[in-house]
Amino acid sequence: PGTVELLDEALAQGCEVLGGIDPCGIDRDPKGQLDALFALAVRHQ
């Protein structure tokens, strides 16, 4: 918890690319992780 907000801040501060890792194997919630990541990517282009 809190990682999505940190990623949001990192992209706003100049990180050029958004990363992710094993939506099933690490998070065991592929829908939740991928929905969150794609929403961030779209918001920050």
ModelCIF file with pLDDT and N, C-alpha, C, O atoms, coordinates in Angstrom:
data_MODEL
#
_entry.id   MODEL 
#
_entity.id                         1 
_entity.type                       polymer 
_entity.pdbx_number_of_molecules   1 
#
_entity_poly.entity_id                      1 
_entity_poly.type                           'polypeptide(L)' 
_entity_poly.nstd_linkage                   no 
_entity_poly.nstd_monomer                   no 
_entity_poly.pdbx_seq_one_letter_code       PGTVELLDEALAQGCEVLGGIDPCGIDRDPKGQLDALFALAVRHQ 
_entity_poly.pdbx_seq_one_letter_code_can   PGTVELLDEALAQGCEVLGGIDPCGIDRDPKGQLDALFALAVRHQ 
_entity_poly.pdbx_strand_id                 A 
#
loop_
_entity_poly_seq.entity_id 
_entity_poly_seq.num 
_entity_poly_seq.mon_id 
_entity_poly_seq.hetero 
1 1  PRO n 
1 2  GLY n 
1 3  THR n 
1 4  VAL n 
1 5  GLU n 
1 6  LEU n 
1 7  LEU n 
1 8  ASP n 
1 9  GLU n 
1 10 ALA n 
1 11 LEU n 
1 12 ALA n 
1 13 GLN n 
1 14 GLY n 
1 15 CYS n 
1 16 GLU n 
1 17 VAL n 
1 18 LEU n 
1 19 GLY n 
1 20 GLY n 
1 21 ILE n 
1 22 ASP n 
1 23 PRO n 
1 24 CYS n 
1 25 GLY n 
1 26 ILE n 
1 27 ASP n 
1 28 ARG n 
1 29 ASP n 
1 30 PRO n 
1 31 LYS n 
1 32 GLY n 
1 33 GLN n 
1 34 LEU n 
1 35 ASP n 
1 36 ALA n 
1 37 LEU n 
1 38 PHE n 
1 39 ALA n 
1 40 LEU n 
1 41 ALA n 
1 42 VAL n 
1 43 ARG n 
1 44 HIS n 
1 45 GLN n 
#
_struct_asym.id          A 
_struct_asym.entity_id   1 
#
loop_
_ma_qa_metric.id 
_ma_qa_metric.mode 
_ma_qa_metric.name 
_ma_qa_metric.software_group_id 
_ma_qa_metric.type 
1 global pLDDT . pLDDT 
2 local  pLDDT . pLDDT 
#
_ma_qa_metric_global.metric_id      1 
_ma_qa_metric_global.metric_value   97.80 
_ma_qa_metric_global.model_id       1 
_ma_qa_metric_global.ordinal_id     1 
#
loop_
_ma_qa_metric_local.label_asym_id 
_ma_qa_metric_local.label_comp_id 
_ma_qa_metric_local.label_seq_id 
_ma_qa_metric_local.metric_id 
_ma_qa_metric_local.metric_value 
_ma_qa_metric_local.model_id 
_ma_qa_metric_local.ordinal_id 
A PRO 1  2 97.00 1 1  
A GLY 2  2 98.00 1 2  
A THR 3  2 98.00 1 3  
A VAL 4  2 98.00 1 4  
A GLU 5  2 98.00 1 5  
A LEU 6  2 98.00 1 6  
A LEU 7  2 98.00 1 7  
A ASP 8  2 98.00 1 8  
A GLU 9  2 98.00 1 9  
A ALA 10 2 98.00 1 10 
A LEU 11 2 98.00 1 11 
A ALA 12 2 98.00 1 12 
A GLN 13 2 97.00 1 13 
A GLY 14 2 96.00 1 14 
A CYS 15 2 98.00 1 15 
A GLU 16 2 98.00 1 16 
A VAL 17 2 98.00 1 17 
A LEU 18 2 98.00 1 18 
A GLY 19 2 98.00 1 19 
A GLY 20 2 98.00 1 20 
A ILE 21 2 98.00 1 21 
A ASP 22 2 98.00 1 22 
A PRO 23 2 98.00 1 23 
A CYS 24 2 98.00 1 24 
A GLY 25 2 96.00 1 25 
A ILE 26 2 97.00 1 26 
A ASP 27 2 97.00 1 27 
A ARG 28 2 97.00 1 28 
A ASP 29 2 98.00 1 29 
A PRO 30 2 98.00 1 30 
A LYS 31 2 98.00 1 31 
A GLY 32 2 98.00 1 32 
A GLN 33 2 98.00 1 33 
A LEU 34 2 98.00 1 34 
A ASP 35 2 98.00 1 35 
A ALA 36 2 98.00 1 36 
A LEU 37 2 98.00 1 37 
A PHE 38 2 98.00 1 38 
A ALA 39 2 98.00 1 39 
A LEU 40 2 98.00 1 40 
A ALA 41 2 98.00 1 41 
A VAL 42 2 98.00 1 42 
A ARG 43 2 98.00 1 43 
A HIS 44 2 98.00 1 44 
A GLN 45 2 98.00 1 45 
#
loop_
_atom_site.group_PDB 
_atom_site.id 
_atom_site.type_symbol 
_atom_site.label_atom_id 
_atom_site.label_alt_id 
_atom_site.label_comp_id 
_atom_site.label_asym_id 
_atom_site.label_entity_id 
_atom_site.label_seq_id 
_atom_site.pdbx_PDB_ins_code 
_atom_site.Cartn_x 
_atom_site.Cartn_y 
_atom_site.Cartn_z 
_atom_site.occupancy 
_atom_site.B_iso_or_equiv 
_atom_site.pdbx_formal_charge 
_atom_site.auth_seq_id 
_atom_site.auth_comp_id 
_atom_site.auth_asym_id 
_atom_site.auth_atom_id 
_atom_site.pdbx_PDB_model_num 
ATOM 1   N N  . PRO A 1 1  ? 0.833  -1.216  0.000   1.00 97.00 ? 1  PRO A N  1 
ATOM 2   C CA . PRO A 1 1  ? 0.000  0.000   0.000   1.00 97.00 ? 1  PRO A CA 1 
ATOM 3   C C  . PRO A 1 1  ? 0.863  1.260   0.000   1.00 97.00 ? 1  PRO A C  1 
ATOM 4   O O  . PRO A 1 1  ? 1.865  1.346   0.710   1.00 97.00 ? 1  PRO A O  1 
ATOM 5   N N  . GLY A 1 2  ? 0.458  2.220   -0.799  1.00 98.00 ? 2  GLY A N  1 
ATOM 6   C CA . GLY A 1 2  ? 1.195  3.468   -0.941  1.00 98.00 ? 2  GLY A CA 1 
ATOM 7   C C  . GLY A 1 2  ? 2.090  3.509   -2.161  1.00 98.00 ? 2  GLY A C  1 
ATOM 8   O O  . GLY A 1 2  ? 2.594  4.570   -2.528  1.00 98.00 ? 2  GLY A O  1 
ATOM 9   N N  . THR A 1 3  ? 2.296  2.353   -2.800  1.00 98.00 ? 3  THR A N  1 
ATOM 10  C CA . THR A 1 3  ? 3.203  2.305   -3.955  1.00 98.00 ? 3  THR A CA 1 
ATOM 11  C C  . THR A 1 3  ? 2.623  3.037   -5.159  1.00 98.00 ? 3  THR A C  1 
ATOM 12  O O  . THR A 1 3  ? 3.357  3.712   -5.880  1.00 98.00 ? 3  THR A O  1 
ATOM 13  N N  . VAL A 1 4  ? 1.329  2.915   -5.385  1.00 98.00 ? 4  VAL A N  1 
ATOM 14  C CA . VAL A 1 4  ? 0.714  3.603   -6.536  1.00 98.00 ? 4  VAL A CA 1 
ATOM 15  C C  . VAL A 1 4  ? 0.940  5.105   -6.428  1.00 98.00 ? 4  VAL A C  1 
ATOM 16  O O  . VAL A 1 4  ? 1.248  5.764   -7.421  1.00 98.00 ? 4  VAL A O  1 
ATOM 17  N N  . GLU A 1 5  ? 0.787  5.641   -5.231  1.00 98.00 ? 5  GLU A N  1 
ATOM 18  C CA . GLU A 1 5  ? 0.982  7.077   -5.033  1.00 98.00 ? 5  GLU A CA 1 
ATOM 19  C C  . GLU A 1 5  ? 2.438  7.471   -5.260  1.00 98.00 ? 5  GLU A C  1 
ATOM 20  O O  . GLU A 1 5  ? 2.717  8.536   -5.811  1.00 98.00 ? 5  GLU A O  1 
ATOM 21  N N  . LEU A 1 6  ? 3.361  6.619   -4.840  1.00 98.00 ? 6  LEU A N  1 
ATOM 22  C CA . LEU A 1 6  ? 4.778  6.894   -5.058  1.00 98.00 ? 6  LEU A CA 1 
ATOM 23  C C  . LEU A 1 6  ? 5.120  6.856   -6.550  1.00 98.00 ? 6  LEU A C  1 
ATOM 24  O O  . LEU A 1 6  ? 5.885  7.692   -7.032  1.00 98.00 ? 6  LEU A O  1 
ATOM 25  N N  . LEU A 1 7  ? 4.562  5.899   -7.273  1.00 98.00 ? 7  LEU A N  1 
ATOM 26  C CA . LEU A 1 7  ? 4.792  5.831   -8.720  1.00 98.00 ? 7  LEU A CA 1 
ATOM 27  C C  . LEU A 1 7  ? 4.240  7.077   -9.403  1.00 98.00 ? 7  LEU A C  1 
ATOM 28  O O  . LEU A 1 7  ? 4.863  7.618   -10.316 1.00 98.00 ? 7  LEU A O  1 
ATOM 29  N N  . ASP A 1 8  ? 3.088  7.524   -8.964  1.00 98.00 ? 8  ASP A N  1 
ATOM 30  C CA . ASP A 1 8  ? 2.475  8.733   -9.502  1.00 98.00 ? 8  ASP A CA 1 
ATOM 31  C C  . ASP A 1 8  ? 3.416  9.924   -9.316  1.00 98.00 ? 8  ASP A C  1 
ATOM 32  O O  . ASP A 1 8  ? 3.618  10.717  -10.235 1.00 98.00 ? 8  ASP A O  1 
ATOM 33  N N  . GLU A 1 9  ? 3.984  10.037  -8.126  1.00 98.00 ? 9  GLU A N  1 
ATOM 34  C CA . GLU A 1 9  ? 4.905  11.138  -7.836  1.00 98.00 ? 9  GLU A CA 1 
ATOM 35  C C  . GLU A 1 9  ? 6.189  11.025  -8.656  1.00 98.00 ? 9  GLU A C  1 
ATOM 36  O O  . GLU A 1 9  ? 6.708  12.029  -9.144  1.00 98.00 ? 9  GLU A O  1 
ATOM 37  N N  . ALA A 1 10 ? 6.701  9.797   -8.806  1.00 98.00 ? 10 ALA A N  1 
ATOM 38  C CA . ALA A 1 10 ? 7.945  9.594   -9.561  1.00 98.00 ? 10 ALA A CA 1 
ATOM 39  C C  . ALA A 1 10 ? 7.784  9.991   -11.013 1.00 98.00 ? 10 ALA A C  1 
ATOM 40  O O  . ALA A 1 10 ? 8.682  10.602  -11.593 1.00 98.00 ? 10 ALA A O  1 
ATOM 41  N N  . LEU A 1 11 ? 6.651  9.650   -11.610 1.00 98.00 ? 11 LEU A N  1 
ATOM 42  C CA . LEU A 1 11 ? 6.401  10.029  -13.001 1.00 98.00 ? 11 LEU A CA 1 
ATOM 43  C C  . LEU A 1 11 ? 6.273  11.544  -13.121 1.00 98.00 ? 11 LEU A C  1 
ATOM 44  O O  . LEU A 1 11 ? 6.737  12.130  -14.099 1.00 98.00 ? 11 LEU A O  1 
ATOM 45  N N  . ALA A 1 12 ? 5.652  12.173  -12.142 1.00 98.00 ? 12 ALA A N  1 
ATOM 46  C CA . ALA A 1 12 ? 5.511  13.628  -12.164 1.00 98.00 ? 12 ALA A CA 1 
ATOM 47  C C  . ALA A 1 12 ? 6.861  14.314  -12.024 1.00 98.00 ? 12 ALA A C  1 
ATOM 48  O O  . ALA A 1 12 ? 7.047  15.426  -12.519 1.00 98.00 ? 12 ALA A O  1 
ATOM 49  N N  . GLN A 1 13 ? 7.814  13.651  -11.347 1.00 97.00 ? 13 GLN A N  1 
ATOM 50  C CA . GLN A 1 13 ? 9.126  14.254  -11.106 1.00 97.00 ? 13 GLN A CA 1 
ATOM 51  C C  . GLN A 1 13 ? 10.145 13.963  -12.199 1.00 97.00 ? 13 GLN A C  1 
ATOM 52  O O  . GLN A 1 13 ? 11.278 14.439  -12.123 1.00 97.00 ? 13 GLN A O  1 
ATOM 53  N N  . GLY A 1 14 ? 9.764  13.189  -13.217 1.00 96.00 ? 14 GLY A N  1 
ATOM 54  C CA . GLY A 1 14 ? 10.681 13.047  -14.345 1.00 96.00 ? 14 GLY A CA 1 
ATOM 55  C C  . GLY A 1 14 ? 11.094 11.649  -14.739 1.00 96.00 ? 14 GLY A C  1 
ATOM 56  O O  . GLY A 1 14 ? 11.900 11.497  -15.656 1.00 96.00 ? 14 GLY A O  1 
ATOM 57  N N  . CYS A 1 15 ? 10.576 10.613  -14.086 1.00 98.00 ? 15 CYS A N  1 
ATOM 58  C CA . CYS A 1 15 ? 10.842 9.257   -14.581 1.00 98.00 ? 15 CYS A CA 1 
ATOM 59  C C  . CYS A 1 15 ? 10.135 9.097   -15.925 1.00 98.00 ? 15 CYS A C  1 
ATOM 60  O O  . CYS A 1 15 ? 8.956  9.426   -16.061 1.00 98.00 ? 15 CYS A O  1 
ATOM 61  N N  . GLU A 1 16 ? 10.867 8.588   -16.914 1.00 98.00 ? 16 GLU A N  1 
ATOM 62  C CA . GLU A 1 16 ? 10.324 8.552   -18.279 1.00 98.00 ? 16 GLU A CA 1 
ATOM 63  C C  . GLU A 1 16 ? 9.413  7.368   -18.558 1.00 98.00 ? 16 GLU A C  1 
ATOM 64  O O  . GLU A 1 16 ? 8.589  7.423   -19.471 1.00 98.00 ? 16 GLU A O  1 
ATOM 65  N N  . VAL A 1 17 ? 9.549  6.299   -17.786 1.00 98.00 ? 17 VAL A N  1 
ATOM 66  C CA . VAL A 1 17 ? 8.831  5.055   -18.062 1.00 98.00 ? 17 VAL A CA 1 
ATOM 67  C C  . VAL A 1 17 ? 8.249  4.528   -16.759 1.00 98.00 ? 17 VAL A C  1 
ATOM 68  O O  . VAL A 1 17 ? 8.828  4.717   -15.690 1.00 98.00 ? 17 VAL A O  1 
ATOM 69  N N  . LEU A 1 18 ? 7.093  3.861   -16.856 1.00 98.00 ? 18 LEU A N  1 
ATOM 70  C CA . LEU A 1 18 ? 6.461  3.224   -15.701 1.00 98.00 ? 18 LEU A CA 1 
ATOM 71  C C  . LEU A 1 18 ? 6.743  1.733   -15.745 1.00 98.00 ? 18 LEU A C  1 
ATOM 72  O O  . LEU A 1 18 ? 6.529  1.085   -16.770 1.00 98.00 ? 18 LEU A O  1 
ATOM 73  N N  . GLY A 1 19 ? 7.220  1.189   -14.638 1.00 98.00 ? 19 GLY A N  1 
ATOM 74  C CA . GLY A 1 19 ? 7.520  -0.231  -14.566 1.00 98.00 ? 19 GLY A CA 1 
ATOM 75  C C  . GLY A 1 19 ? 6.445  -1.025  -13.868 1.00 98.00 ? 19 GLY A C  1 
ATOM 76  O O  . GLY A 1 19 ? 5.474  -0.473  -13.351 1.00 98.00 ? 19 GLY A O  1 
ATOM 77  N N  . GLY A 1 20 ? 6.632  -2.328  -13.861 1.00 98.00 ? 20 GLY A N  1 
ATOM 78  C CA . GLY A 1 20 ? 5.735  -3.245  -13.170 1.00 98.00 ? 20 GLY A CA 1 
ATOM 79  C C  . GLY A 1 20 ? 6.440  -4.581  -13.036 1.00 98.00 ? 20 GLY A C  1 
ATOM 80  O O  . GLY A 1 20 ? 7.505  -4.791  -13.616 1.00 98.00 ? 20 GLY A O  1 
ATOM 81  N N  . ILE A 1 21 ? 5.842  -5.485  -12.268 1.00 98.00 ? 21 ILE A N  1 
ATOM 82  C CA . ILE A 1 21 ? 6.463  -6.789  -12.068 1.00 98.00 ? 21 ILE A CA 1 
ATOM 83  C C  . ILE A 1 21 ? 5.404  -7.849  -11.766 1.00 98.00 ? 21 ILE A C  1 
ATOM 84  O O  . ILE A 1 21 ? 4.541  -7.644  -10.912 1.00 98.00 ? 21 ILE A O  1 
ATOM 85  N N  . ASP A 1 22 ? 5.472  -8.953  -12.451 1.00 98.00 ? 22 ASP A N  1 
ATOM 86  C CA . ASP A 1 22 ? 4.707  -10.172 -12.197 1.00 98.00 ? 22 ASP A CA 1 
ATOM 87  C C  . ASP A 1 22 ? 3.360  -9.922  -11.522 1.00 98.00 ? 22 ASP A C  1 
ATOM 88  O O  . ASP A 1 22 ? 3.224  -10.144 -10.319 1.00 98.00 ? 22 ASP A O  1 
ATOM 89  N N  . PRO A 1 23 ? 2.363  -9.465  -12.281 1.00 98.00 ? 23 PRO A N  1 
ATOM 90  C CA . PRO A 1 23 ? 1.057  -9.161  -11.682 1.00 98.00 ? 23 PRO A CA 1 
ATOM 91  C C  . PRO A 1 23 ? 0.426  -10.347 -10.947 1.00 98.00 ? 23 PRO A C  1 
ATOM 92  O O  . PRO A 1 23 ? -0.291 -10.160 -9.964  1.00 98.00 ? 23 PRO A O  1 
ATOM 93  N N  . CYS A 1 24 ? 0.692  -11.553 -11.418 1.00 98.00 ? 24 CYS A N  1 
ATOM 94  C CA . CYS A 1 24 ? 0.184  -12.738 -10.721 1.00 98.00 ? 24 CYS A CA 1 
ATOM 95  C C  . CYS A 1 24 ? 1.167  -13.193 -9.643  1.00 98.00 ? 24 CYS A C  1 
ATOM 96  O O  . CYS A 1 24 ? 0.793  -13.346 -8.480  1.00 98.00 ? 24 CYS A O  1 
ATOM 97  N N  . GLY A 1 25 ? 2.410  -13.407 -10.029 1.00 96.00 ? 25 GLY A N  1 
ATOM 98  C CA . GLY A 1 25 ? 3.381  -14.028 -9.142  1.00 96.00 ? 25 GLY A CA 1 
ATOM 99  C C  . GLY A 1 25 ? 3.759  -13.192 -7.943  1.00 96.00 ? 25 GLY A C  1 
ATOM 100 O O  . GLY A 1 25 ? 3.998  -13.744 -6.868  1.00 96.00 ? 25 GLY A O  1 
ATOM 101 N N  . ILE A 1 26 ? 3.825  -11.867 -8.087  1.00 97.00 ? 26 ILE A N  1 
ATOM 102 C CA . ILE A 1 26 ? 4.200  -10.991 -6.979  1.00 97.00 ? 26 ILE A CA 1 
ATOM 103 C C  . ILE A 1 26 ? 2.967  -10.424 -6.286  1.00 97.00 ? 26 ILE A C  1 
ATOM 104 O O  . ILE A 1 26 ? 2.862  -10.491 -5.061  1.00 97.00 ? 26 ILE A O  1 
ATOM 105 N N  . ASP A 1 27 ? 2.034  -9.868  -7.052  1.00 97.00 ? 27 ASP A N  1 
ATOM 106 C CA . ASP A 1 27 ? 0.867  -9.221  -6.453  1.00 97.00 ? 27 ASP A CA 1 
ATOM 107 C C  . ASP A 1 27 ? -0.318 -10.161 -6.238  1.00 97.00 ? 27 ASP A C  1 
ATOM 108 O O  . ASP A 1 27 ? -1.182 -9.883  -5.407  1.00 97.00 ? 27 ASP A O  1 
ATOM 109 N N  . ARG A 1 28 ? -0.368 -11.264 -6.975  1.00 97.00 ? 28 ARG A N  1 
ATOM 110 C CA . ARG A 1 28 ? -1.504 -12.197 -6.922  1.00 97.00 ? 28 ARG A CA 1 
ATOM 111 C C  . ARG A 1 28 ? -2.826 -11.475 -7.183  1.00 97.00 ? 28 ARG A C  1 
ATOM 112 O O  . ARG A 1 28 ? -3.884 -11.879 -6.702  1.00 97.00 ? 28 ARG A O  1 
ATOM 113 N N  . ASP A 1 29 ? -2.730 -10.403 -7.954  1.00 98.00 ? 29 ASP A N  1 
ATOM 114 C CA . ASP A 1 29 ? -3.910 -9.601  -8.306  1.00 98.00 ? 29 ASP A CA 1 
ATOM 115 C C  . ASP A 1 29 ? -3.639 -8.948  -9.653  1.00 98.00 ? 29 ASP A C  1 
ATOM 116 O O  . ASP A 1 29 ? -3.437 -7.735  -9.720  1.00 98.00 ? 29 ASP A O  1 
ATOM 117 N N  . PRO A 1 30 ? -3.632 -9.739  -10.734 1.00 98.00 ? 30 PRO A N  1 
ATOM 118 C CA . PRO A 1 30 ? -3.250 -9.160  -12.031 1.00 98.00 ? 30 PRO A CA 1 
ATOM 119 C C  . PRO A 1 30 ? -4.180 -8.055  -12.494 1.00 98.00 ? 30 PRO A C  1 
ATOM 120 O O  . PRO A 1 30 ? -3.722 -7.070  -13.073 1.00 98.00 ? 30 PRO A O  1 
ATOM 121 N N  . LYS A 1 31 ? -5.466 -8.195  -12.255 1.00 98.00 ? 31 LYS A N  1 
ATOM 122 C CA . LYS A 1 31 ? -6.387 -7.146  -12.675 1.00 98.00 ? 31 LYS A CA 1 
ATOM 123 C C  . LYS A 1 31 ? -6.102 -5.855  -11.917 1.00 98.00 ? 31 LYS A C  1 
ATOM 124 O O  . LYS A 1 31 ? -6.043 -4.777  -12.510 1.00 98.00 ? 31 LYS A O  1 
ATOM 125 N N  . GLY A 1 32 ? -5.925 -5.972  -10.597 1.00 98.00 ? 32 GLY A N  1 
ATOM 126 C CA . GLY A 1 32 ? -5.678 -4.776  -9.800  1.00 98.00 ? 32 GLY A CA 1 
ATOM 127 C C  . GLY A 1 32 ? -4.398 -4.076  -10.212 1.00 98.00 ? 32 GLY A C  1 
ATOM 128 O O  . GLY A 1 32 ? -4.383 -2.859  -10.399 1.00 98.00 ? 32 GLY A O  1 
ATOM 129 N N  . GLN A 1 33 ? -3.305 -4.852  -10.355 1.00 98.00 ? 33 GLN A N  1 
ATOM 130 C CA . GLN A 1 33 ? -2.038 -4.218  -10.709 1.00 98.00 ? 33 GLN A CA 1 
ATOM 131 C C  . GLN A 1 33 ? -2.092 -3.588  -12.090 1.00 98.00 ? 33 GLN A C  1 
ATOM 132 O O  . GLN A 1 33 ? -1.726 -2.424  -12.257 1.00 98.00 ? 33 GLN A O  1 
ATOM 133 N N  . LEU A 1 34 ? -2.544 -4.341  -13.074 1.00 98.00 ? 34 LEU A N  1 
ATOM 134 C CA . LEU A 1 34 ? -2.518 -3.831  -14.444 1.00 98.00 ? 34 LEU A CA 1 
ATOM 135 C C  . LEU A 1 34 ? -3.460 -2.646  -14.628 1.00 98.00 ? 34 LEU A C  1 
ATOM 136 O O  . LEU A 1 34 ? -3.132 -1.705  -15.350 1.00 98.00 ? 34 LEU A O  1 
ATOM 137 N N  . ASP A 1 35 ? -4.615 -2.681  -13.989 1.00 98.00 ? 35 ASP A N  1 
ATOM 138 C CA . ASP A 1 35 ? -5.528 -1.534  -14.078 1.00 98.00 ? 35 ASP A CA 1 
ATOM 139 C C  . ASP A 1 35 ? -4.877 -0.286  -13.485 1.00 98.00 ? 35 ASP A C  1 
ATOM 140 O O  . ASP A 1 35 ? -4.986 0.806   -14.043 1.00 98.00 ? 35 ASP A O  1 
ATOM 141 N N  . ALA A 1 36 ? -4.200 -0.459  -12.349 1.00 98.00 ? 36 ALA A N  1 
ATOM 142 C CA . ALA A 1 36 ? -3.547 0.684   -11.707 1.00 98.00 ? 36 ALA A CA 1 
ATOM 143 C C  . ALA A 1 36 ? -2.410 1.232   -12.571 1.00 98.00 ? 36 ALA A C  1 
ATOM 144 O O  . ALA A 1 36 ? -2.274 2.446   -12.723 1.00 98.00 ? 36 ALA A O  1 
ATOM 145 N N  . LEU A 1 37 ? -1.593 0.335   -13.138 1.00 98.00 ? 37 LEU A N  1 
ATOM 146 C CA . LEU A 1 37 ? -0.455 0.779   -13.944 1.00 98.00 ? 37 LEU A CA 1 
ATOM 147 C C  . LEU A 1 37 ? -0.900 1.464   -15.222 1.00 98.00 ? 37 LEU A C  1 
ATOM 148 O O  . LEU A 1 37 ? -0.375 2.517   -15.581 1.00 98.00 ? 37 LEU A O  1 
ATOM 149 N N  . PHE A 1 38 ? -1.864 0.873   -15.911 1.00 98.00 ? 38 PHE A N  1 
ATOM 150 C CA . PHE A 1 38 ? -2.308 1.490   -17.166 1.00 98.00 ? 38 PHE A CA 1 
ATOM 151 C C  . PHE A 1 38 ? -2.989 2.827   -16.917 1.00 98.00 ? 38 PHE A C  1 
ATOM 152 O O  . PHE A 1 38 ? -2.878 3.741   -17.734 1.00 98.00 ? 38 PHE A O  1 
ATOM 153 N N  . ALA A 1 39 ? -3.698 2.951   -15.790 1.00 98.00 ? 39 ALA A N  1 
ATOM 154 C CA . ALA A 1 39 ? -4.319 4.241   -15.462 1.00 98.00 ? 39 ALA A CA 1 
ATOM 155 C C  . ALA A 1 39 ? -3.249 5.303   -15.237 1.00 98.00 ? 39 ALA A C  1 
ATOM 156 O O  . ALA A 1 39 ? -3.394 6.434   -15.701 1.00 98.00 ? 39 ALA A O  1 
ATOM 157 N N  . LEU A 1 40 ? -2.170 4.951   -14.525 1.00 98.00 ? 40 LEU A N  1 
ATOM 158 C CA . LEU A 1 40 ? -1.070 5.892   -14.310 1.00 98.00 ? 40 LEU A CA 1 
ATOM 159 C C  . LEU A 1 40 ? -0.405 6.277   -15.627 1.00 98.00 ? 40 LEU A C  1 
ATOM 160 O O  . LEU A 1 40 ? -0.123 7.450   -15.874 1.00 98.00 ? 40 LEU A O  1 
ATOM 161 N N  . ALA A 1 41 ? -0.160 5.282   -16.465 1.00 98.00 ? 41 ALA A N  1 
ATOM 162 C CA . ALA A 1 41 ? 0.511  5.541   -17.740 1.00 98.00 ? 41 ALA A CA 1 
ATOM 163 C C  . ALA A 1 41 ? -0.309 6.474   -18.620 1.00 98.00 ? 41 ALA A C  1 
ATOM 164 O O  . ALA A 1 41 ? 0.235  7.380   -19.252 1.00 98.00 ? 41 ALA A O  1 
ATOM 165 N N  . VAL A 1 42 ? -1.602 6.251   -18.658 1.00 98.00 ? 42 VAL A N  1 
ATOM 166 C CA . VAL A 1 42 ? -2.474 7.103   -19.471 1.00 98.00 ? 42 VAL A CA 1 
ATOM 167 C C  . VAL A 1 42 ? -2.501 8.518   -18.905 1.00 98.00 ? 42 VAL A C  1 
ATOM 168 O O  . VAL A 1 42 ? -2.460 9.492   -19.656 1.00 98.00 ? 42 VAL A O  1 
ATOM 169 N N  . ARG A 1 43 ? -2.570 8.630   -17.590 1.00 98.00 ? 43 ARG A N  1 
ATOM 170 C CA . ARG A 1 43 ? -2.645 9.949   -16.947 1.00 98.00 ? 43 ARG A CA 1 
ATOM 171 C C  . ARG A 1 43 ? -1.390 10.764  -17.233 1.00 98.00 ? 43 ARG A C  1 
ATOM 172 O O  . ARG A 1 43 ? -1.464 11.963  -17.499 1.00 98.00 ? 43 ARG A O  1 
ATOM 173 N N  . HIS A 1 44 ? -0.237 10.102  -17.174 1.00 98.00 ? 44 HIS A N  1 
ATOM 174 C CA . HIS A 1 44 ? 1.030  10.816  -17.359 1.00 98.00 ? 44 HIS A CA 1 
ATOM 175 C C  . HIS A 1 44 ? 1.547  10.747  -18.793 1.00 98.00 ? 44 HIS A C  1 
ATOM 176 O O  . HIS A 1 44 ? 2.576  11.344  -19.110 1.00 98.00 ? 44 HIS A O  1 
ATOM 177 N N  . GLN A 1 45 ? 0.841  10.023  -19.658 1.00 98.00 ? 45 GLN A N  1 
ATOM 178 C CA . GLN A 1 45 ? 1.280  9.834   -21.042 1.00 98.00 ? 45 GLN A CA 1 
ATOM 179 C C  . GLN A 1 45 ? 2.700  9.271   -21.094 1.00 98.00 ? 45 GLN A C  1 
ATOM 180 O O  . GLN A 1 45 ? 3.236  9.047   -22.179 1.00 98.00 ? 45 GLN A O  1 
#
